[in-house]
């Protein structure tokens, strides 16, 4: 680990889908759950502290914020409109009709009882050069860094378990141009042709 903000793995983002180490999707959370090591938290607070450089870059980007928001909304809508055809297998995001969200990403939950699981879908997308990420933690108490903390839990945390085991997201960042969006959507289409 490099200080309190470094990476727990040397795999960069320009590596093969399974990372430079070849083990990106081979970590375990809970008894048998395969998990993406990019979202595998072995230490409390790891990689969550903003650096001064990140803050300076953020300030410099503020003037571009309206364009970023507009592009994120557009990208989200394009993905949403396309993936609606797969709602029998995928739970798509919902929002209040009175809200006007600027989405950070496009969250997707694989429905129970379908012929594939999240790992199969995300690995397929990654092989098609579509980056995926798991939604942060889900039931964080299943993560190694948090398993033994002293806390009170009420109930079985079923929704957190759904996020932990079946939810992931794809990006809607402003750099997704029409060609990259088409590639993302084509990857989903190709996957659903095979299942």
N, C-alpha and C. Protein backbone atom coordinates (compact mmCIF):
# COMPACT_ATOMS: atom_id res chain seq x y z
N UNK A 1 0.85 -1.17 0.00
CA UNK A 1 0.00 0.00 0.00
C UNK A 1 0.90 1.24 0.00
N UNK A 2 0.54 2.24 -0.76
CA UNK A 2 1.30 3.48 -0.84
C UNK A 2 0.57 4.52 0.01
N UNK A 3 1.13 4.82 1.17
CA UNK A 3 0.52 5.77 2.12
C UNK A 3 -0.93 5.39 2.37
N UNK A 4 -1.84 6.37 2.48
CA UNK A 4 -3.23 6.02 2.80
C UNK A 4 -4.16 6.21 1.62
N UNK A 5 -3.61 6.37 0.43
CA UNK A 5 -4.48 6.56 -0.73
C UNK A 5 -4.05 5.73 -1.93
N UNK A 6 -3.03 4.92 -1.78
CA UNK A 6 -2.51 4.15 -2.90
C UNK A 6 -3.36 2.95 -3.27
N UNK A 7 -2.91 2.23 -4.28
CA UNK A 7 -3.67 1.07 -4.78
C UNK A 7 -3.24 -0.19 -4.02
N UNK A 8 -4.21 -1.07 -3.80
CA UNK A 8 -3.95 -2.36 -3.16
C UNK A 8 -3.51 -3.39 -4.19
N UNK A 9 -3.53 -3.02 -5.46
CA UNK A 9 -3.16 -3.94 -6.53
C UNK A 9 -2.42 -3.13 -7.59
N UNK A 10 -1.49 -3.77 -8.26
CA UNK A 10 -0.71 -3.06 -9.28
C UNK A 10 -1.38 -3.06 -10.64
N UNK A 11 -2.54 -3.67 -10.76
CA UNK A 11 -3.23 -3.72 -12.06
C UNK A 11 -3.70 -2.32 -12.44
N UNK A 12 -3.30 -1.86 -13.59
CA UNK A 12 -3.77 -0.57 -14.07
C UNK A 12 -5.02 -0.71 -14.90
N UNK A 13 -5.53 0.40 -15.38
CA UNK A 13 -6.78 0.38 -16.13
C UNK A 13 -6.57 0.09 -17.61
N UNK A 14 -5.34 0.03 -18.08
CA UNK A 14 -5.08 -0.28 -19.48
C UNK A 14 -4.66 -1.74 -19.65
N UNK A 15 -4.92 -2.55 -18.64
CA UNK A 15 -4.53 -3.95 -18.66
C UNK A 15 -5.63 -4.81 -19.26
N UNK A 16 -5.35 -6.10 -19.47
CA UNK A 16 -6.39 -7.02 -19.95
C UNK A 16 -7.58 -7.04 -18.98
N UNK A 17 -8.73 -7.56 -19.43
CA UNK A 17 -9.94 -7.55 -18.59
C UNK A 17 -9.75 -8.15 -17.20
N UNK A 18 -8.87 -9.16 -17.06
CA UNK A 18 -8.65 -9.76 -15.75
C UNK A 18 -7.50 -9.10 -14.99
N UNK A 19 -7.04 -7.95 -15.47
CA UNK A 19 -5.96 -7.23 -14.81
C UNK A 19 -4.60 -7.84 -15.13
N UNK A 20 -3.57 -7.08 -14.83
CA UNK A 20 -2.20 -7.55 -15.09
C UNK A 20 -1.91 -8.83 -14.31
N UNK A 21 -2.48 -8.93 -13.12
CA UNK A 21 -2.24 -10.11 -12.29
C UNK A 21 -3.04 -11.32 -12.77
N UNK A 22 -4.05 -11.11 -13.63
CA UNK A 22 -4.86 -12.21 -14.12
C UNK A 22 -5.88 -12.72 -13.12
N UNK A 23 -6.05 -12.01 -12.01
CA UNK A 23 -6.93 -12.49 -10.94
C UNK A 23 -8.00 -11.47 -10.55
N UNK A 24 -8.31 -10.56 -11.44
CA UNK A 24 -9.24 -9.49 -11.09
C UNK A 24 -10.56 -10.01 -10.52
N UNK A 25 -11.12 -11.05 -11.09
CA UNK A 25 -12.42 -11.56 -10.64
C UNK A 25 -12.28 -12.84 -9.82
N UNK A 26 -11.16 -13.04 -9.17
CA UNK A 26 -10.96 -14.28 -8.42
C UNK A 26 -10.91 -14.08 -6.91
N UNK A 27 -11.21 -12.91 -6.42
CA UNK A 27 -11.23 -12.67 -4.98
C UNK A 27 -12.55 -13.18 -4.42
N UNK A 28 -12.57 -13.49 -3.14
CA UNK A 28 -13.78 -14.03 -2.50
C UNK A 28 -14.29 -13.05 -1.46
N UNK A 29 -15.59 -12.81 -1.49
CA UNK A 29 -16.28 -12.05 -0.45
C UNK A 29 -17.35 -12.97 0.09
N UNK A 30 -17.38 -13.16 1.39
CA UNK A 30 -18.30 -14.14 1.95
C UNK A 30 -17.74 -15.53 1.71
N UNK A 31 -18.61 -16.52 1.72
CA UNK A 31 -18.15 -17.90 1.60
C UNK A 31 -17.71 -18.27 0.20
N UNK A 32 -18.43 -17.82 -0.81
CA UNK A 32 -18.13 -18.31 -2.15
C UNK A 32 -18.31 -17.28 -3.24
N UNK A 33 -18.49 -16.03 -2.90
CA UNK A 33 -18.79 -15.01 -3.90
C UNK A 33 -17.52 -14.53 -4.59
N UNK A 34 -17.50 -14.62 -5.93
CA UNK A 34 -16.38 -14.09 -6.71
C UNK A 34 -16.54 -12.58 -6.79
N UNK A 35 -15.46 -11.84 -6.59
CA UNK A 35 -15.57 -10.39 -6.50
C UNK A 35 -14.42 -9.72 -7.24
N UNK A 36 -14.70 -8.58 -7.83
CA UNK A 36 -13.71 -7.77 -8.54
C UNK A 36 -12.77 -7.13 -7.52
N UNK A 37 -11.47 -7.41 -7.63
CA UNK A 37 -10.55 -6.89 -6.62
C UNK A 37 -10.46 -5.37 -6.60
N UNK A 38 -10.95 -4.70 -7.63
CA UNK A 38 -10.94 -3.24 -7.60
C UNK A 38 -11.92 -2.71 -6.55
N UNK A 39 -12.85 -3.55 -6.13
CA UNK A 39 -13.83 -3.16 -5.12
C UNK A 39 -13.81 -4.14 -3.96
N UNK A 40 -12.63 -4.59 -3.60
CA UNK A 40 -12.39 -5.52 -2.51
C UNK A 40 -11.65 -4.74 -1.44
N UNK A 41 -12.29 -4.48 -0.32
CA UNK A 41 -11.74 -3.58 0.68
C UNK A 41 -11.15 -4.36 1.85
N UNK A 42 -9.82 -4.35 1.92
CA UNK A 42 -9.13 -5.07 2.99
C UNK A 42 -8.83 -4.17 4.18
N UNK A 43 -8.91 -2.87 3.98
CA UNK A 43 -8.61 -1.90 5.04
C UNK A 43 -9.73 -0.88 5.14
N UNK A 44 -10.08 -0.48 6.35
CA UNK A 44 -11.10 0.54 6.55
C UNK A 44 -10.56 1.88 6.08
N UNK A 45 -11.33 2.58 5.25
CA UNK A 45 -10.95 3.90 4.76
C UNK A 45 -9.96 3.89 3.63
N UNK A 46 -9.55 2.73 3.17
CA UNK A 46 -8.54 2.62 2.11
C UNK A 46 -9.01 3.29 0.83
N UNK A 47 -8.15 4.11 0.26
CA UNK A 47 -8.38 4.74 -1.04
C UNK A 47 -9.55 5.71 -1.04
N UNK A 48 -9.90 6.27 0.10
CA UNK A 48 -11.04 7.18 0.17
C UNK A 48 -10.63 8.62 0.48
N UNK A 49 -9.38 8.87 0.76
CA UNK A 49 -8.94 10.21 1.11
C UNK A 49 -8.54 10.97 -0.15
N UNK A 50 -9.14 12.14 -0.34
CA UNK A 50 -8.80 12.96 -1.49
C UNK A 50 -7.45 13.65 -1.25
N UNK A 51 -6.64 13.68 -2.28
CA UNK A 51 -5.35 14.35 -2.19
C UNK A 51 -5.51 15.82 -2.60
N UNK A 52 -4.51 16.63 -2.29
CA UNK A 52 -4.55 18.04 -2.69
C UNK A 52 -4.56 18.17 -4.20
N UNK A 53 -3.84 17.32 -4.90
CA UNK A 53 -3.81 17.37 -6.36
C UNK A 53 -5.21 17.09 -6.93
N UNK A 54 -5.90 16.09 -6.38
CA UNK A 54 -7.25 15.79 -6.85
C UNK A 54 -8.18 16.98 -6.62
N UNK A 55 -8.05 17.64 -5.47
CA UNK A 55 -8.88 18.81 -5.18
C UNK A 55 -8.58 19.94 -6.16
N UNK A 56 -7.32 20.17 -6.48
CA UNK A 56 -6.94 21.23 -7.42
C UNK A 56 -7.50 20.94 -8.81
N UNK A 57 -7.42 19.69 -9.24
CA UNK A 57 -7.97 19.32 -10.55
C UNK A 57 -9.48 19.53 -10.55
N UNK A 58 -10.14 19.15 -9.46
CA UNK A 58 -11.59 19.35 -9.34
C UNK A 58 -11.97 20.81 -9.48
N UNK A 59 -11.23 21.70 -8.82
CA UNK A 59 -11.52 23.13 -8.92
C UNK A 59 -11.34 23.64 -10.35
N UNK A 60 -10.31 23.16 -11.01
CA UNK A 60 -10.05 23.59 -12.39
C UNK A 60 -11.15 23.11 -13.35
N UNK A 61 -11.83 22.03 -13.00
CA UNK A 61 -12.87 21.47 -13.87
C UNK A 61 -14.25 22.10 -13.65
N UNK A 62 -14.42 22.91 -12.62
CA UNK A 62 -15.75 23.45 -12.29
C UNK A 62 -16.39 24.23 -13.44
N UNK A 63 -15.59 24.96 -14.21
CA UNK A 63 -16.15 25.72 -15.33
C UNK A 63 -16.76 24.81 -16.40
N UNK A 64 -16.27 23.57 -16.47
CA UNK A 64 -16.78 22.62 -17.45
C UNK A 64 -17.98 21.82 -16.95
N UNK A 65 -18.37 22.04 -15.70
CA UNK A 65 -19.41 21.23 -15.08
C UNK A 65 -20.73 21.21 -15.85
N UNK A 66 -21.26 22.34 -16.32
CA UNK A 66 -22.54 22.27 -17.05
C UNK A 66 -22.48 21.35 -18.27
N UNK A 67 -21.39 21.38 -19.01
CA UNK A 67 -21.25 20.48 -20.16
C UNK A 67 -21.12 19.03 -19.74
N UNK A 68 -20.40 18.80 -18.62
CA UNK A 68 -20.27 17.43 -18.11
C UNK A 68 -21.64 16.88 -17.73
N UNK A 69 -22.43 17.70 -17.04
CA UNK A 69 -23.76 17.26 -16.59
C UNK A 69 -24.65 16.95 -17.79
N UNK A 70 -24.64 17.83 -18.77
CA UNK A 70 -25.46 17.62 -19.97
C UNK A 70 -25.07 16.31 -20.67
N UNK A 71 -23.78 16.06 -20.80
CA UNK A 71 -23.31 14.86 -21.49
C UNK A 71 -23.63 13.59 -20.67
N UNK A 72 -23.47 13.66 -19.35
CA UNK A 72 -23.80 12.51 -18.50
C UNK A 72 -25.28 12.15 -18.63
N UNK A 73 -26.13 13.16 -18.62
CA UNK A 73 -27.57 12.91 -18.76
C UNK A 73 -27.89 12.29 -20.11
N UNK A 74 -27.27 12.79 -21.14
CA UNK A 74 -27.50 12.25 -22.48
C UNK A 74 -27.03 10.80 -22.56
N UNK A 75 -25.83 10.54 -22.08
CA UNK A 75 -25.29 9.18 -22.13
C UNK A 75 -26.16 8.21 -21.32
N UNK A 76 -26.60 8.66 -20.16
CA UNK A 76 -27.48 7.82 -19.34
C UNK A 76 -28.75 7.47 -20.12
N UNK A 77 -29.36 8.47 -20.74
CA UNK A 77 -30.61 8.24 -21.48
C UNK A 77 -30.41 7.27 -22.64
N UNK A 78 -29.32 7.41 -23.36
CA UNK A 78 -29.04 6.51 -24.49
C UNK A 78 -28.92 5.07 -23.99
N UNK A 79 -28.18 4.87 -22.91
CA UNK A 79 -28.02 3.51 -22.37
C UNK A 79 -29.35 2.99 -21.83
N UNK A 80 -30.06 3.82 -21.09
CA UNK A 80 -31.35 3.40 -20.52
C UNK A 80 -32.33 2.99 -21.61
N UNK A 81 -32.47 3.84 -22.61
CA UNK A 81 -33.43 3.55 -23.69
C UNK A 81 -33.08 2.24 -24.40
N UNK A 82 -31.80 1.96 -24.54
CA UNK A 82 -31.39 0.73 -25.22
C UNK A 82 -31.59 -0.51 -24.34
N UNK A 83 -31.22 -0.40 -23.06
CA UNK A 83 -31.27 -1.58 -22.19
C UNK A 83 -32.68 -1.93 -21.72
N UNK A 84 -33.65 -1.05 -21.96
CA UNK A 84 -35.03 -1.37 -21.57
C UNK A 84 -35.50 -2.68 -22.20
N UNK A 85 -34.98 -3.03 -23.36
CA UNK A 85 -35.38 -4.28 -24.02
C UNK A 85 -34.95 -5.51 -23.24
N UNK A 86 -34.04 -5.35 -22.27
CA UNK A 86 -33.54 -6.48 -21.48
C UNK A 86 -34.04 -6.44 -20.03
N UNK A 87 -35.12 -5.70 -19.78
CA UNK A 87 -35.61 -5.56 -18.41
C UNK A 87 -36.10 -6.87 -17.79
N UNK A 88 -36.37 -7.87 -18.59
CA UNK A 88 -36.76 -9.16 -18.01
C UNK A 88 -35.57 -9.81 -17.29
N UNK A 89 -34.35 -9.42 -17.65
CA UNK A 89 -33.14 -9.98 -17.04
C UNK A 89 -32.38 -8.96 -16.19
N UNK A 90 -32.56 -7.68 -16.47
CA UNK A 90 -31.81 -6.63 -15.78
C UNK A 90 -32.76 -5.67 -15.08
N UNK A 91 -32.46 -5.36 -13.84
CA UNK A 91 -33.19 -4.33 -13.11
C UNK A 91 -32.47 -3.02 -13.37
N UNK A 92 -33.16 -2.09 -14.03
CA UNK A 92 -32.56 -0.81 -14.40
C UNK A 92 -32.88 0.23 -13.32
N UNK A 93 -32.11 1.31 -13.28
CA UNK A 93 -32.33 2.32 -12.25
C UNK A 93 -33.67 3.04 -12.41
N UNK A 94 -34.18 3.51 -11.29
CA UNK A 94 -35.39 4.34 -11.28
C UNK A 94 -35.08 5.61 -10.49
N UNK A 95 -35.90 6.62 -10.68
CA UNK A 95 -35.71 7.88 -9.98
C UNK A 95 -37.05 8.58 -9.88
N UNK A 96 -37.14 9.52 -8.98
CA UNK A 96 -38.38 10.27 -8.78
C UNK A 96 -38.66 11.14 -10.00
N UNK A 97 -39.93 11.21 -10.43
CA UNK A 97 -40.25 12.08 -11.57
C UNK A 97 -39.94 13.55 -11.30
N UNK A 98 -39.84 13.92 -10.03
CA UNK A 98 -39.52 15.32 -9.69
C UNK A 98 -38.02 15.57 -9.63
N UNK A 99 -37.22 14.52 -9.79
CA UNK A 99 -35.76 14.66 -9.72
C UNK A 99 -35.17 14.92 -11.10
N UNK A 100 -34.03 15.54 -11.11
CA UNK A 100 -33.28 15.79 -12.35
C UNK A 100 -31.83 15.35 -12.11
N UNK A 101 -31.61 14.03 -11.99
CA UNK A 101 -30.27 13.57 -11.59
C UNK A 101 -29.22 13.74 -12.68
N UNK A 102 -28.01 14.02 -12.23
CA UNK A 102 -26.83 13.94 -13.09
C UNK A 102 -26.11 12.68 -12.64
N UNK A 103 -26.25 11.62 -13.39
CA UNK A 103 -25.79 10.30 -12.98
C UNK A 103 -24.28 10.20 -13.01
N UNK A 104 -23.72 9.59 -11.97
CA UNK A 104 -22.29 9.28 -11.93
C UNK A 104 -22.00 8.09 -12.84
N UNK A 105 -22.93 7.14 -12.87
CA UNK A 105 -22.77 5.92 -13.64
C UNK A 105 -24.15 5.33 -13.91
N UNK A 106 -24.18 4.23 -14.64
CA UNK A 106 -25.43 3.54 -14.94
C UNK A 106 -25.46 2.23 -14.16
N UNK A 107 -26.18 2.20 -13.02
CA UNK A 107 -26.22 0.97 -12.21
C UNK A 107 -27.17 -0.06 -12.80
N UNK A 108 -26.77 -1.32 -12.74
CA UNK A 108 -27.54 -2.44 -13.29
C UNK A 108 -27.52 -3.57 -12.28
N UNK A 109 -28.68 -4.15 -12.03
CA UNK A 109 -28.77 -5.33 -11.16
C UNK A 109 -29.27 -6.51 -11.99
N UNK A 110 -28.56 -7.61 -11.91
CA UNK A 110 -28.99 -8.83 -12.60
C UNK A 110 -30.13 -9.44 -11.78
N UNK A 111 -31.25 -9.67 -12.43
CA UNK A 111 -32.41 -10.21 -11.73
C UNK A 111 -32.15 -11.66 -11.30
N UNK A 112 -32.79 -12.08 -10.20
CA UNK A 112 -32.64 -13.48 -9.79
C UNK A 112 -33.36 -14.41 -10.77
N UNK A 113 -32.85 -15.62 -10.89
CA UNK A 113 -33.52 -16.62 -11.70
C UNK A 113 -33.24 -16.57 -13.19
N UNK A 114 -32.34 -15.68 -13.63
CA UNK A 114 -32.02 -15.64 -15.06
C UNK A 114 -30.90 -16.65 -15.35
N UNK A 115 -30.58 -16.84 -16.62
CA UNK A 115 -29.64 -17.89 -17.04
C UNK A 115 -28.17 -17.50 -16.90
N UNK A 116 -27.90 -16.36 -16.31
CA UNK A 116 -26.52 -15.91 -16.15
C UNK A 116 -26.41 -15.16 -14.83
N UNK A 117 -25.19 -14.91 -14.40
CA UNK A 117 -25.00 -14.12 -13.19
C UNK A 117 -24.16 -12.87 -13.52
N UNK A 118 -23.97 -12.05 -12.52
CA UNK A 118 -23.24 -10.79 -12.73
C UNK A 118 -21.83 -11.05 -13.23
N UNK A 119 -21.16 -12.04 -12.69
CA UNK A 119 -19.79 -12.32 -13.10
C UNK A 119 -19.72 -12.66 -14.58
N UNK A 120 -20.62 -13.49 -15.05
CA UNK A 120 -20.62 -13.85 -16.48
C UNK A 120 -20.84 -12.62 -17.35
N UNK A 121 -21.78 -11.77 -16.97
CA UNK A 121 -22.07 -10.57 -17.76
C UNK A 121 -20.90 -9.58 -17.72
N UNK A 122 -20.37 -9.29 -16.54
CA UNK A 122 -19.30 -8.30 -16.46
C UNK A 122 -18.03 -8.80 -17.14
N UNK A 123 -17.72 -10.07 -17.02
CA UNK A 123 -16.52 -10.59 -17.70
C UNK A 123 -16.70 -10.52 -19.22
N UNK A 124 -17.90 -10.81 -19.70
CA UNK A 124 -18.17 -10.71 -21.13
C UNK A 124 -17.99 -9.26 -21.59
N UNK A 125 -18.59 -8.32 -20.86
CA UNK A 125 -18.47 -6.91 -21.24
C UNK A 125 -17.00 -6.47 -21.24
N UNK A 126 -16.25 -6.87 -20.24
CA UNK A 126 -14.83 -6.51 -20.17
C UNK A 126 -14.06 -7.06 -21.37
N UNK A 127 -14.38 -8.27 -21.79
CA UNK A 127 -13.70 -8.83 -22.98
C UNK A 127 -14.07 -8.06 -24.24
N UNK A 128 -15.21 -7.37 -24.22
CA UNK A 128 -15.63 -6.53 -25.34
C UNK A 128 -15.11 -5.09 -25.18
N UNK A 129 -14.23 -4.90 -24.20
CA UNK A 129 -13.61 -3.59 -23.91
C UNK A 129 -14.61 -2.58 -23.36
N UNK A 130 -15.56 -3.07 -22.58
CA UNK A 130 -16.50 -2.21 -21.86
C UNK A 130 -16.15 -2.32 -20.38
N UNK A 131 -15.68 -1.23 -19.80
CA UNK A 131 -15.30 -1.23 -18.39
C UNK A 131 -16.54 -1.36 -17.51
N UNK A 132 -16.43 -2.19 -16.48
CA UNK A 132 -17.50 -2.34 -15.49
C UNK A 132 -16.90 -2.15 -14.11
N UNK A 133 -17.75 -1.80 -13.16
CA UNK A 133 -17.35 -1.69 -11.76
C UNK A 133 -18.50 -2.21 -10.91
N UNK A 134 -18.17 -2.80 -9.78
CA UNK A 134 -19.20 -3.18 -8.83
C UNK A 134 -19.61 -1.93 -8.07
N UNK A 135 -20.86 -1.84 -7.69
CA UNK A 135 -21.33 -0.72 -6.89
C UNK A 135 -20.69 -0.85 -5.51
N UNK A 136 -20.17 0.23 -4.99
CA UNK A 136 -19.36 0.20 -3.78
C UNK A 136 -19.95 -0.68 -2.68
N UNK A 137 -19.25 -1.71 -2.37
CA UNK A 137 -19.40 -2.55 -1.18
C UNK A 137 -20.67 -3.39 -1.11
N UNK A 138 -21.86 -2.85 -1.35
CA UNK A 138 -23.06 -3.61 -1.03
C UNK A 138 -23.12 -3.78 0.47
N UNK A 139 -23.18 -5.01 0.93
CA UNK A 139 -23.11 -5.27 2.37
C UNK A 139 -21.65 -5.17 2.78
N UNK A 140 -21.26 -3.99 3.20
CA UNK A 140 -19.85 -3.74 3.50
C UNK A 140 -19.32 -4.63 4.61
N UNK A 141 -20.21 -5.17 5.44
CA UNK A 141 -19.77 -6.05 6.51
C UNK A 141 -19.23 -7.38 5.99
N UNK A 142 -19.44 -7.67 4.72
CA UNK A 142 -18.87 -8.88 4.11
C UNK A 142 -17.45 -8.63 3.59
N UNK A 143 -17.06 -7.36 3.49
CA UNK A 143 -15.71 -7.03 3.01
C UNK A 143 -14.68 -7.36 4.10
N UNK A 144 -13.50 -7.86 3.73
CA UNK A 144 -12.51 -8.27 4.72
C UNK A 144 -12.15 -7.19 5.74
N UNK A 145 -12.03 -5.96 5.31
CA UNK A 145 -11.64 -4.90 6.24
C UNK A 145 -12.70 -4.56 7.27
N UNK A 146 -13.92 -5.01 7.06
CA UNK A 146 -15.04 -4.62 7.93
C UNK A 146 -15.69 -5.81 8.64
N UNK A 147 -15.27 -7.03 8.33
CA UNK A 147 -15.93 -8.23 8.88
C UNK A 147 -15.94 -8.28 10.39
N UNK A 148 -14.87 -7.84 11.02
CA UNK A 148 -14.74 -8.01 12.47
C UNK A 148 -14.94 -6.72 13.26
N UNK A 149 -15.52 -5.69 12.64
CA UNK A 149 -15.72 -4.45 13.39
C UNK A 149 -16.87 -4.64 14.38
N UNK A 150 -16.82 -3.89 15.44
CA UNK A 150 -17.87 -3.93 16.46
C UNK A 150 -19.02 -3.04 15.99
N UNK A 151 -20.14 -3.65 15.65
CA UNK A 151 -21.28 -2.87 15.17
C UNK A 151 -22.57 -3.62 15.46
N UNK A 152 -23.67 -2.93 15.30
CA UNK A 152 -24.99 -3.53 15.51
C UNK A 152 -25.66 -3.65 14.15
N UNK A 153 -26.17 -4.83 13.83
CA UNK A 153 -26.87 -5.08 12.58
C UNK A 153 -28.29 -5.50 12.91
N UNK A 154 -29.25 -4.85 12.26
CA UNK A 154 -30.65 -5.18 12.47
C UNK A 154 -31.17 -5.86 11.21
N UNK A 155 -31.56 -7.10 11.30
CA UNK A 155 -32.09 -7.82 10.15
C UNK A 155 -30.99 -8.42 9.29
N UNK A 156 -31.42 -8.96 8.17
CA UNK A 156 -30.49 -9.67 7.29
C UNK A 156 -29.86 -8.83 6.20
N UNK A 157 -30.19 -7.55 6.11
CA UNK A 157 -29.64 -6.65 5.10
C UNK A 157 -29.83 -7.18 3.68
N UNK A 158 -31.06 -7.58 3.32
CA UNK A 158 -31.27 -8.21 2.01
C UNK A 158 -30.95 -7.31 0.82
N UNK A 159 -31.26 -6.03 0.90
CA UNK A 159 -30.97 -5.15 -0.24
C UNK A 159 -29.47 -4.92 -0.39
N UNK A 160 -28.77 -4.81 0.72
CA UNK A 160 -27.31 -4.68 0.66
C UNK A 160 -26.69 -5.94 0.06
N UNK A 161 -27.27 -7.10 0.34
CA UNK A 161 -26.78 -8.35 -0.24
C UNK A 161 -27.01 -8.38 -1.75
N UNK A 162 -28.15 -7.85 -2.21
CA UNK A 162 -28.42 -7.77 -3.66
C UNK A 162 -27.35 -6.91 -4.33
N UNK A 163 -27.05 -5.77 -3.74
CA UNK A 163 -26.02 -4.89 -4.31
C UNK A 163 -24.67 -5.60 -4.31
N UNK A 164 -24.34 -6.28 -3.22
CA UNK A 164 -23.06 -6.99 -3.11
C UNK A 164 -22.92 -8.06 -4.17
N UNK A 165 -23.98 -8.79 -4.45
CA UNK A 165 -23.87 -10.00 -5.27
C UNK A 165 -24.36 -9.87 -6.71
N UNK A 166 -25.22 -8.86 -7.00
CA UNK A 166 -25.83 -8.84 -8.33
C UNK A 166 -25.77 -7.49 -9.04
N UNK A 167 -25.17 -6.47 -8.42
CA UNK A 167 -25.21 -5.13 -9.00
C UNK A 167 -23.82 -4.70 -9.49
N UNK A 168 -23.80 -3.98 -10.60
CA UNK A 168 -22.58 -3.39 -11.14
C UNK A 168 -22.97 -2.13 -11.89
N UNK A 169 -21.98 -1.39 -12.38
CA UNK A 169 -22.32 -0.24 -13.21
C UNK A 169 -21.37 -0.09 -14.38
N UNK A 170 -21.85 0.62 -15.38
CA UNK A 170 -21.03 1.05 -16.51
C UNK A 170 -21.02 2.57 -16.49
N UNK A 171 -20.01 3.15 -17.11
CA UNK A 171 -19.84 4.59 -17.05
C UNK A 171 -20.78 5.37 -17.94
N UNK A 172 -21.03 6.61 -17.55
CA UNK A 172 -21.76 7.57 -18.38
C UNK A 172 -20.93 8.85 -18.52
N UNK A 173 -19.64 8.75 -18.24
CA UNK A 173 -18.78 9.93 -18.18
C UNK A 173 -18.80 10.70 -19.51
N UNK A 174 -18.48 11.99 -19.46
CA UNK A 174 -18.59 12.83 -20.65
C UNK A 174 -17.73 12.39 -21.83
N UNK A 175 -16.68 11.62 -21.60
CA UNK A 175 -15.81 11.17 -22.68
C UNK A 175 -16.40 10.06 -23.54
N UNK A 176 -17.56 9.55 -23.17
CA UNK A 176 -18.22 8.53 -24.00
C UNK A 176 -18.84 9.21 -25.21
N UNK A 177 -18.17 9.12 -26.34
CA UNK A 177 -18.72 9.69 -27.56
C UNK A 177 -19.67 8.67 -28.20
N UNK A 178 -20.25 9.02 -29.33
CA UNK A 178 -21.24 8.15 -29.96
C UNK A 178 -20.65 6.79 -30.33
N UNK A 179 -19.41 6.75 -30.79
CA UNK A 179 -18.78 5.48 -31.17
C UNK A 179 -18.60 4.58 -29.95
N UNK A 180 -18.17 5.15 -28.84
CA UNK A 180 -17.98 4.34 -27.62
C UNK A 180 -19.31 3.89 -27.04
N UNK A 181 -20.32 4.74 -27.11
CA UNK A 181 -21.66 4.32 -26.66
C UNK A 181 -22.17 3.17 -27.52
N UNK A 182 -21.97 3.27 -28.82
CA UNK A 182 -22.41 2.20 -29.72
C UNK A 182 -21.69 0.90 -29.39
N UNK A 183 -20.41 0.98 -29.07
CA UNK A 183 -19.64 -0.21 -28.70
C UNK A 183 -20.20 -0.83 -27.42
N UNK A 184 -20.52 0.01 -26.43
CA UNK A 184 -21.09 -0.46 -25.17
C UNK A 184 -22.42 -1.18 -25.41
N UNK A 185 -23.29 -0.55 -26.18
CA UNK A 185 -24.61 -1.12 -26.44
C UNK A 185 -24.51 -2.40 -27.26
N UNK A 186 -23.60 -2.42 -28.22
CA UNK A 186 -23.40 -3.63 -29.04
C UNK A 186 -22.90 -4.79 -28.18
N UNK A 187 -22.10 -4.49 -27.17
CA UNK A 187 -21.60 -5.55 -26.28
C UNK A 187 -22.75 -6.19 -25.51
N UNK A 188 -23.68 -5.37 -25.02
CA UNK A 188 -24.86 -5.93 -24.35
C UNK A 188 -25.67 -6.78 -25.32
N UNK A 189 -25.89 -6.27 -26.52
CA UNK A 189 -26.66 -7.02 -27.52
C UNK A 189 -26.00 -8.37 -27.80
N UNK A 190 -24.69 -8.35 -27.97
CA UNK A 190 -23.96 -9.58 -28.27
C UNK A 190 -24.10 -10.58 -27.12
N UNK A 191 -24.03 -10.08 -25.88
CA UNK A 191 -24.18 -10.97 -24.73
C UNK A 191 -25.55 -11.63 -24.73
N UNK A 192 -26.59 -10.83 -24.95
CA UNK A 192 -27.94 -11.38 -24.88
C UNK A 192 -28.26 -12.29 -26.07
N UNK A 193 -27.51 -12.18 -27.14
CA UNK A 193 -27.66 -13.14 -28.24
C UNK A 193 -27.12 -14.51 -27.85
N UNK A 194 -26.21 -14.55 -26.89
CA UNK A 194 -25.57 -15.81 -26.51
C UNK A 194 -26.25 -16.52 -25.34
N UNK A 195 -27.12 -15.83 -24.60
CA UNK A 195 -27.76 -16.49 -23.44
C UNK A 195 -29.17 -16.94 -23.75
